[in-house]
Amino acid sequence: MRTHERTTAGSRGSIAVLAARLTEAAVVLAGGDRRSVAAAVRDVADRGLAAAGAAATMALAHSLELLWGRGWLPADVAAVAPKRVRALLLDAIAHESARHAPAALHPLWRAQLADLGIPGREQAEFTDESLDLAVELLAALMVLPQLPRLVQPPGSATTTDPGPGGVDRRVLARVRALLAKAESTAYPDEAEALSAKAQELMARHAFERAVLDADHPHPPTAGARRLWLTGPYQTPRAQLVAAIAQANRCRSVFYAKLGCVAVVGHETDLEIVEVLTASLQLQATQALRHTPTPDRTRAFRHAFLTGYAHRIHTRLTTATTYATSGDTRLVPVLTTRQQAVDLKFATLFPHIRTHRPSISNTTGWTAGHTAATLADLTPPRPRIAG
């Protein structure tokens, strides 16, 4: 038994040396020097695919562990990693997360792993190409910046009751089904109608939950999410997210260099912001595509989306004010929630600069403003649970 333990320890030590070799190669690659990387990869590959695969897995697991400590979440890493290394990244996340019991993971962490298809994932066979991709992935991960910690990393989640929050799964399933239909249809009017129906369901549900949650023994708490933007014109797209967030009692911060928006709010409102963002980003893209104008310059498109976001902010804020008027039970509930959101926001982002959008194409602004005006966003007055 002692001989076996020494052999296993020795083997693990050899794997650690190879993992360090791969990490050193990734440092060189991250610095822009590719010439000496091939030699390092070849040295590791000469030890055999089994040893090389184990070394790559160890190096990637360590890199991910460091990222978790620097505020990154699984969905964040998956959003910024190059597409060609996505399969390898998901394998690495699956391996690293398997070290922790589900109870040691924050609910948001577990939800993101599920969305990425991590539970039950079968890892692909390791090849010579996988080794090159592993070094590329390591180089991409090690240059990612520090981010505010939205939730506790694996192993540090508490088991205390966090209080109520989140959209009812049945409601969320219906909303996502509507948005899936909106994304698949080729007809903007149909997509608009489906998106409006989705908002109607969410608006009604949000305020019913607000009254019901007021009876919970725990004080309200705020959470945070990061929403990753795709496609061009990310600044006006981020302004649309900010408009949706503010209308739903949340606050947001745009990371221009990373292409994401961090949103802080109550769990129910955060989920609503996520699904509304998917819906309205879709409507904005479709409205831009079908705008009858010969001006298709970059300035026009940027101004169109900026005008769209501005008008959506006005319309959603009006709809929110209308939905909450006339029921005094909501006032103390929403006030207490807003205080929790402001406190969480100040903790995560103590040094924030406000940026006001500018446009250089008034035709685009007017067209976007008009398109947002035509969208049917105002639901009927929601029924307040009593």
Protein backbone atom coordinates (compact mmCIF):
# COMPACT_ATOMS: atom_id res chain seq x y z
CA MET A 1 0.00 0.00 0.00
CA ARG A 2 2.81 2.41 0.83
CA THR A 3 4.52 1.63 -2.49
CA HIS A 4 1.25 2.34 -4.34
CA GLU A 5 0.82 5.63 -2.47
CA ARG A 6 4.35 6.71 -3.38
CA THR A 7 3.74 5.79 -7.02
CA THR A 8 0.46 7.70 -7.12
CA ALA A 9 2.03 10.73 -5.47
CA GLY A 10 4.93 10.58 -7.87
CA SER A 11 2.60 10.34 -10.84
CA ARG A 12 0.59 13.29 -9.55
CA GLY A 13 3.79 15.25 -9.12
CA SER A 14 4.81 14.52 -12.70
CA ILE A 15 1.39 15.65 -13.93
CA ALA A 16 1.76 18.86 -11.91
CA VAL A 17 5.11 19.54 -13.58
CA LEU A 18 3.53 19.08 -17.00
CA ALA A 19 0.61 21.31 -16.01
CA ALA A 20 3.06 24.01 -14.98
CA ARG A 21 4.80 23.62 -18.33
CA LEU A 22 1.52 24.20 -20.15
CA THR A 23 0.76 27.22 -17.96
CA GLU A 24 4.18 28.69 -18.75
CA ALA A 25 3.49 28.19 -22.46
CA ALA A 26 0.16 29.98 -22.04
CA VAL A 27 1.90 32.93 -20.35
CA VAL A 28 4.23 33.21 -23.33
CA LEU A 29 1.29 32.96 -25.75
CA ALA A 30 -0.66 35.60 -23.84
CA GLY A 31 2.35 37.87 -24.26
CA GLY A 32 2.13 37.52 -28.02
CA ASP A 33 5.06 35.14 -28.61
CA ARG A 34 3.98 31.96 -30.39
CA ARG A 35 7.41 30.71 -31.43
CA SER A 36 8.41 28.98 -28.21
CA VAL A 37 4.93 27.64 -27.46
CA ALA A 38 5.17 24.77 -29.91
CA ALA A 39 8.26 23.36 -28.22
CA ALA A 40 6.58 23.37 -24.80
CA VAL A 41 3.48 21.67 -26.16
CA ARG A 42 5.64 19.08 -27.91
CA ASP A 43 7.51 18.32 -24.68
CA VAL A 44 4.23 17.63 -22.88
CA ALA A 45 2.80 15.63 -25.78
CA ASP A 46 5.87 13.39 -25.77
CA ARG A 47 4.78 12.08 -22.35
CA GLY A 48 1.69 10.49 -23.96
CA LEU A 49 -1.89 11.63 -24.43
CA ALA A 50 -3.02 10.29 -21.06
CA ALA A 51 -0.43 12.32 -19.15
CA ALA A 52 -0.90 15.35 -21.40
CA GLY A 53 -4.68 15.25 -20.94
CA ALA A 54 -4.35 14.99 -17.17
CA ALA A 55 -1.90 17.90 -17.15
CA ALA A 56 -4.20 20.07 -19.27
CA THR A 57 -7.15 19.23 -17.02
CA MET A 58 -5.15 20.14 -13.91
CA ALA A 59 -3.91 23.42 -15.39
CA LEU A 60 -7.38 24.45 -16.57
CA ALA A 61 -9.00 23.52 -13.25
CA HIS A 62 -6.49 25.70 -11.41
CA SER A 63 -7.05 28.57 -13.83
CA LEU A 64 -10.83 28.35 -13.38
CA GLU A 65 -10.48 28.23 -9.61
CA LEU A 66 -8.50 31.46 -9.75
CA LEU A 67 -11.17 33.04 -11.94
CA TRP A 68 -13.95 32.06 -9.53
CA GLY A 69 -12.01 33.86 -6.81
CA ARG A 70 -11.75 36.94 -9.05
CA GLY A 71 -15.51 37.26 -9.46
CA TRP A 72 -16.15 35.28 -12.65
CA LEU A 73 -19.06 32.86 -13.06
CA PRO A 74 -19.34 29.88 -15.44
CA ALA A 75 -21.63 31.74 -17.85
CA ASP A 76 -19.23 34.71 -17.90
CA VAL A 77 -16.28 32.57 -18.91
CA ALA A 78 -18.33 30.74 -21.53
CA ALA A 79 -19.40 34.07 -23.00
CA VAL A 80 -15.88 35.46 -23.52
CA ALA A 81 -13.95 32.31 -24.45
CA PRO A 82 -13.20 31.82 -28.16
CA LYS A 83 -15.73 29.55 -29.86
CA ARG A 84 -13.08 27.08 -31.02
CA VAL A 85 -12.21 26.23 -27.40
CA ARG A 86 -15.79 26.14 -26.07
CA ALA A 87 -16.04 22.33 -25.90
CA LEU A 88 -12.75 22.11 -24.02
CA LEU A 89 -13.84 24.90 -21.68
CA LEU A 90 -17.12 23.16 -20.85
CA ASP A 91 -15.22 19.94 -20.14
CA ALA A 92 -12.93 21.88 -17.81
CA ILE A 93 -15.87 23.54 -16.02
CA ALA A 94 -17.53 20.14 -15.63
CA HIS A 95 -14.36 18.67 -14.13
CA GLU A 96 -13.81 21.59 -11.76
CA SER A 97 -17.43 21.79 -10.59
CA ALA A 98 -17.54 18.03 -9.92
CA ARG A 99 -15.17 18.64 -6.99
CA HIS A 100 -17.98 20.40 -5.11
CA ALA A 101 -21.23 19.03 -3.72
CA PRO A 102 -24.34 20.77 -5.12
CA ALA A 103 -25.05 22.17 -1.65
CA ALA A 104 -21.71 24.00 -1.79
CA LEU A 105 -22.75 25.88 -4.93
CA HIS A 106 -24.78 29.08 -4.97
CA PRO A 107 -28.22 28.66 -6.63
CA LEU A 108 -27.18 31.01 -9.44
CA TRP A 109 -24.05 28.90 -9.94
CA ARG A 110 -26.11 25.72 -10.21
CA ALA A 111 -28.51 27.41 -12.63
CA GLN A 112 -25.68 28.52 -14.88
CA LEU A 113 -24.13 25.04 -14.90
CA ALA A 114 -27.51 23.63 -15.92
CA ASP A 115 -27.89 26.22 -18.70
CA LEU A 116 -24.44 25.25 -20.02
CA GLY A 117 -25.37 21.57 -19.99
CA ILE A 118 -22.66 20.71 -17.47
CA PRO A 119 -24.53 18.11 -15.34
CA GLY A 120 -24.14 14.75 -17.01
CA ARG A 121 -21.81 16.11 -19.68
CA GLU A 122 -19.64 13.46 -21.34
CA GLN A 123 -16.12 14.74 -21.87
CA ALA A 124 -14.65 14.44 -25.35
CA GLU A 125 -11.60 12.29 -26.03
CA PHE A 126 -8.36 14.18 -25.58
CA THR A 127 -6.27 14.57 -28.75
CA ASP A 128 -3.10 16.30 -29.91
CA GLU A 129 -5.23 19.19 -31.10
CA SER A 130 -6.81 19.39 -27.64
CA LEU A 131 -3.40 20.16 -26.17
CA ASP A 132 -2.90 23.15 -28.47
CA LEU A 133 -6.41 24.35 -27.65
CA ALA A 134 -5.76 23.93 -23.93
CA VAL A 135 -2.78 26.30 -24.12
CA GLU A 136 -4.86 28.77 -26.13
CA LEU A 137 -7.68 28.57 -23.57
CA LEU A 138 -5.28 29.00 -20.66
CA ALA A 139 -3.84 32.11 -22.33
CA ALA A 140 -7.34 33.52 -22.84
CA LEU A 141 -8.38 32.88 -19.24
CA MET A 142 -5.29 34.30 -17.55
CA VAL A 143 -5.73 37.78 -19.05
CA LEU A 144 -9.32 38.23 -17.88
CA PRO A 145 -9.69 41.14 -15.42
CA GLN A 146 -10.93 41.20 -11.86
CA LEU A 147 -14.73 41.52 -11.58
CA PRO A 148 -16.97 42.33 -8.62
CA ARG A 149 -18.04 39.12 -6.88
CA LEU A 150 -21.77 38.70 -7.51
CA VAL A 151 -22.13 35.44 -5.55
CA GLN A 152 -19.89 33.31 -3.37
CA PRO A 153 -17.58 30.91 -5.29
CA PRO A 154 -17.89 27.11 -4.94
CA GLY A 155 -17.33 25.80 -1.46
CA SER A 156 -18.37 28.95 0.39
CA ALA A 157 -22.14 29.08 -0.19
CA THR A 158 -24.20 29.25 2.98
CA THR A 159 -27.10 26.97 3.78
CA THR A 160 -29.22 29.65 5.45
CA ASP A 161 -32.56 30.61 3.94
CA PRO A 162 -31.91 33.54 1.56
CA GLY A 163 -35.57 34.54 1.49
CA PRO A 164 -38.06 34.47 -1.35
CA GLY A 165 -37.13 35.37 -4.88
CA GLY A 166 -37.27 34.43 -8.51
CA VAL A 167 -40.06 34.03 -10.98
CA ASP A 168 -42.36 31.05 -10.58
CA ARG A 169 -41.02 28.26 -12.80
CA ARG A 170 -44.39 27.75 -14.48
CA VAL A 171 -44.67 31.44 -15.34
CA LEU A 172 -41.08 31.52 -16.56
CA ALA A 173 -41.65 28.45 -18.74
CA ARG A 174 -44.64 30.11 -20.39
CA VAL A 175 -42.68 33.33 -20.93
CA ARG A 176 -39.70 31.53 -22.44
CA ALA A 177 -42.00 29.58 -24.74
CA LEU A 178 -43.49 32.84 -26.00
CA LEU A 179 -40.06 34.36 -26.55
CA ALA A 180 -38.86 31.23 -28.35
CA LYS A 181 -41.75 31.62 -30.78
CA ALA A 182 -40.94 35.32 -31.16
CA GLU A 183 -37.34 34.53 -32.03
CA SER A 184 -38.30 31.89 -34.59
CA THR A 185 -40.96 33.80 -36.53
CA ALA A 186 -40.10 35.75 -39.66
CA TYR A 187 -42.96 38.23 -39.07
CA PRO A 188 -42.13 41.27 -36.87
CA ASP A 189 -45.79 41.88 -35.98
CA GLU A 190 -46.15 38.33 -34.67
CA ALA A 191 -42.92 38.59 -32.68
CA GLU A 192 -44.08 41.90 -31.23
CA ALA A 193 -47.40 40.40 -30.14
CA LEU A 194 -45.70 37.40 -28.55
CA SER A 195 -43.22 39.65 -26.71
CA ALA A 196 -46.02 41.89 -25.45
CA LYS A 197 -47.86 38.85 -24.12
CA ALA A 198 -44.68 37.74 -22.36
CA GLN A 199 -44.33 41.11 -20.66
CA GLU A 200 -47.97 41.04 -19.63
CA LEU A 201 -47.44 37.75 -17.83
CA MET A 202 -44.27 39.00 -16.12
CA ALA A 203 -45.69 42.33 -15.04
CA ARG A 204 -48.73 40.71 -13.46
CA HIS A 205 -46.60 38.10 -11.72
CA ALA A 206 -43.98 40.54 -10.39
CA PHE A 207 -46.37 42.67 -8.37
CA GLU A 208 -48.34 39.69 -7.08
CA ARG A 209 -45.07 38.26 -5.79
CA ALA A 210 -44.07 41.59 -4.25
CA VAL A 211 -47.14 41.61 -2.00
CA LEU A 212 -46.81 37.93 -1.11
CA ASP A 213 -43.10 38.26 -0.32
CA ALA A 214 -43.79 41.06 2.13
CA ASP A 215 -44.96 38.43 4.64
CA HIS A 216 -41.63 36.57 4.51
CA PRO A 217 -39.73 36.74 7.82
CA HIS A 218 -36.43 37.72 6.17
CA PRO A 219 -35.75 41.29 5.01
CA PRO A 220 -35.51 41.75 1.23
CA THR A 221 -32.12 41.19 -0.36
CA ALA A 222 -30.72 42.10 -3.75
CA GLY A 223 -28.82 39.94 -6.20
CA ALA A 224 -26.87 40.62 -9.37
CA ARG A 225 -26.45 39.15 -12.85
CA ARG A 226 -24.23 39.83 -15.83
CA LEU A 227 -25.92 39.96 -19.24
CA TRP A 228 -23.59 39.49 -22.20
CA LEU A 229 -24.26 41.43 -25.39
CA THR A 230 -23.85 40.02 -28.88
CA GLY A 231 -23.44 41.68 -32.24
CA PRO A 232 -22.40 45.21 -33.14
CA TYR A 233 -23.55 48.52 -31.61
CA GLN A 234 -23.12 47.30 -28.07
CA THR A 235 -23.27 50.74 -26.47
CA PRO A 236 -26.90 51.43 -27.54
CA ARG A 237 -27.77 47.80 -26.83
CA ALA A 238 -26.44 48.31 -23.30
CA GLN A 239 -28.59 51.43 -23.04
CA LEU A 240 -31.63 49.28 -23.87
CA VAL A 241 -30.70 46.87 -21.07
CA ALA A 242 -30.32 49.84 -18.72
CA ALA A 243 -33.77 51.11 -19.72
CA ILE A 244 -35.34 47.72 -19.03
CA ALA A 245 -33.47 47.42 -15.73
CA GLN A 246 -34.46 50.85 -14.44
CA ALA A 247 -38.12 50.30 -15.35
CA ASN A 248 -38.04 47.07 -13.37
CA ARG A 249 -36.51 48.55 -10.21
CA CYS A 250 -32.94 47.44 -11.01
CA ARG A 251 -29.65 49.28 -11.55
CA SER A 252 -27.02 48.48 -14.16
CA VAL A 253 -23.39 49.02 -15.17
CA PHE A 254 -21.98 48.59 -18.69
CA TYR A 255 -18.55 46.99 -19.19
CA ALA A 256 -17.71 48.38 -22.63
CA LYS A 257 -14.43 46.48 -23.03
CA LEU A 258 -16.00 43.14 -22.10
CA GLY A 259 -19.39 43.65 -23.75
CA CYS A 260 -21.61 42.91 -20.78
CA VAL A 261 -24.04 44.69 -18.47
CA ALA A 262 -24.14 43.95 -14.74
CA VAL A 263 -27.65 44.31 -13.31
CA VAL A 264 -28.49 44.58 -9.60
CA GLY A 265 -32.00 43.98 -8.28
CA HIS A 266 -34.44 41.67 -6.54
CA GLU A 267 -34.34 38.11 -7.89
CA THR A 268 -37.81 38.33 -9.42
CA ASP A 269 -36.97 41.59 -11.16
CA LEU A 270 -33.62 40.26 -12.37
CA GLU A 271 -35.27 37.34 -14.13
CA ILE A 272 -37.80 39.70 -15.69
CA VAL A 273 -34.98 41.92 -16.95
CA GLU A 274 -33.29 38.89 -18.52
CA VAL A 275 -36.33 37.73 -20.46
CA LEU A 276 -37.43 41.25 -21.41
CA THR A 277 -33.93 41.99 -22.66
CA ALA A 278 -34.04 38.96 -24.95
CA SER A 279 -37.44 40.04 -26.25
CA LEU A 280 -36.75 43.73 -26.81
CA GLN A 281 -33.28 43.19 -28.28
CA LEU A 282 -35.01 40.96 -30.81
CA GLN A 283 -37.70 43.56 -31.54
CA ALA A 284 -35.09 46.31 -31.92
CA THR A 285 -33.08 44.23 -34.39
CA GLN A 286 -36.17 43.39 -36.43
CA ALA A 287 -37.40 46.98 -36.40
CA LEU A 288 -34.01 48.19 -37.62
CA ARG A 289 -33.98 45.60 -40.38
CA HIS A 290 -37.42 46.59 -41.65
CA THR A 291 -37.06 50.37 -41.38
CA PRO A 292 -37.93 51.84 -44.82
CA THR A 293 -35.01 54.21 -45.33
CA PRO A 294 -32.08 54.27 -47.74
CA ASP A 295 -29.73 55.37 -44.95
CA ARG A 296 -27.93 52.24 -43.72
CA THR A 297 -24.77 53.84 -42.41
CA ARG A 298 -23.22 52.89 -39.09
CA ALA A 299 -24.20 56.29 -37.67
CA PHE A 300 -27.84 55.66 -38.61
CA ARG A 301 -27.92 52.21 -37.02
CA HIS A 302 -26.26 53.47 -33.85
CA ALA A 303 -28.67 56.41 -33.60
CA PHE A 304 -31.66 54.14 -34.34
CA LEU A 305 -30.86 51.79 -31.46
CA THR A 306 -30.12 54.72 -29.13
CA GLY A 307 -33.47 56.31 -29.95
CA TYR A 308 -35.20 52.96 -29.53
CA ALA A 309 -33.69 52.51 -26.05
CA HIS A 310 -34.67 56.05 -25.03
CA ARG A 311 -38.29 55.57 -26.05
CA ILE A 312 -38.51 52.10 -24.49
CA HIS A 313 -37.31 53.60 -21.20
CA THR A 314 -40.13 56.15 -21.28
CA ARG A 315 -42.79 53.59 -22.18
CA LEU A 316 -41.72 50.97 -19.65
CA THR A 317 -41.44 53.55 -16.87
CA THR A 318 -44.95 54.77 -17.67
CA ALA A 319 -46.28 51.22 -17.68
CA THR A 320 -44.60 50.49 -14.33
CA THR A 321 -46.05 53.64 -12.75
CA TYR A 322 -49.51 52.72 -14.03
CA ALA A 323 -49.25 49.14 -12.78
CA THR A 324 -48.24 50.16 -9.24
CA SER A 325 -50.70 53.03 -8.80
CA GLY A 326 -53.76 52.65 -6.64
CA ASP A 327 -52.49 49.93 -4.29
CA THR A 328 -50.81 51.29 -1.18
CA ARG A 329 -49.63 47.84 -0.07
CA LEU A 330 -46.89 47.98 -2.71
CA VAL A 331 -45.35 51.24 -1.46
CA PRO A 332 -43.47 49.96 1.64
CA VAL A 333 -42.54 46.69 -0.10
CA LEU A 334 -41.01 48.36 -3.14
CA THR A 335 -39.34 51.05 -1.03
CA THR A 336 -37.60 48.45 1.15
CA ARG A 337 -36.55 46.50 -1.90
CA GLN A 338 -35.11 49.62 -3.54
CA GLN A 339 -33.03 50.32 -0.45
CA ALA A 340 -31.59 46.80 -0.62
CA VAL A 341 -30.80 47.27 -4.32
CA ASP A 342 -29.07 50.61 -3.70
CA LEU A 343 -26.98 49.13 -0.90
CA LYS A 344 -25.92 46.14 -3.01
CA PHE A 345 -25.09 48.40 -5.94
CA ALA A 346 -22.96 50.72 -3.83
CA THR A 347 -21.08 47.72 -2.42
CA LEU A 348 -20.34 46.19 -5.83
CA PHE A 349 -19.66 49.43 -7.71
CA PRO A 350 -18.38 52.15 -5.38
CA HIS A 351 -16.76 54.17 -8.18
CA ILE A 352 -19.15 54.60 -11.13
CA ARG A 353 -19.16 57.25 -13.85
CA THR A 354 -22.39 58.14 -15.63
CA HIS A 355 -22.21 58.22 -19.43
CA ARG A 356 -24.78 60.08 -21.49
CA PRO A 357 -25.31 58.78 -25.05
CA SER A 358 -24.62 60.98 -28.04
CA ILE A 359 -25.85 60.63 -31.62
CA SER A 360 -24.70 61.97 -34.97
CA ASN A 361 -27.69 60.93 -37.08
CA THR A 362 -31.02 62.50 -36.18
CA THR A 363 -32.85 60.50 -38.85
CA GLY A 364 -31.81 57.26 -37.17
CA TRP A 365 -32.78 58.58 -33.73
CA THR A 366 -36.26 59.55 -34.97
CA ALA A 367 -36.75 56.22 -36.73
CA GLY A 368 -35.74 54.26 -33.63
CA HIS A 369 -37.91 56.45 -31.42
CA THR A 370 -40.88 55.83 -33.71
CA ALA A 371 -40.27 52.08 -33.86
CA ALA A 372 -40.27 51.88 -30.08
CA THR A 373 -43.48 53.92 -29.93
CA LEU A 374 -45.21 51.38 -32.18
CA ALA A 375 -44.25 48.44 -29.95
CA ASP A 376 -47.17 47.21 -27.82
CA LEU A 377 -45.56 47.13 -24.38
CA THR A 378 -48.22 48.31 -21.93
CA PRO A 379 -50.04 45.40 -20.28
CA PRO A 380 -53.47 45.76 -18.64
CA ARG A 381 -53.48 46.69 -14.97
CA PRO A 382 -52.19 43.62 -13.14
CA ARG A 383 -54.28 41.93 -10.48
CA ILE A 384 -52.69 42.40 -7.06
CA ALA A 385 -52.87 39.34 -4.84
CA GLY A 386 -54.88 39.98 -1.76
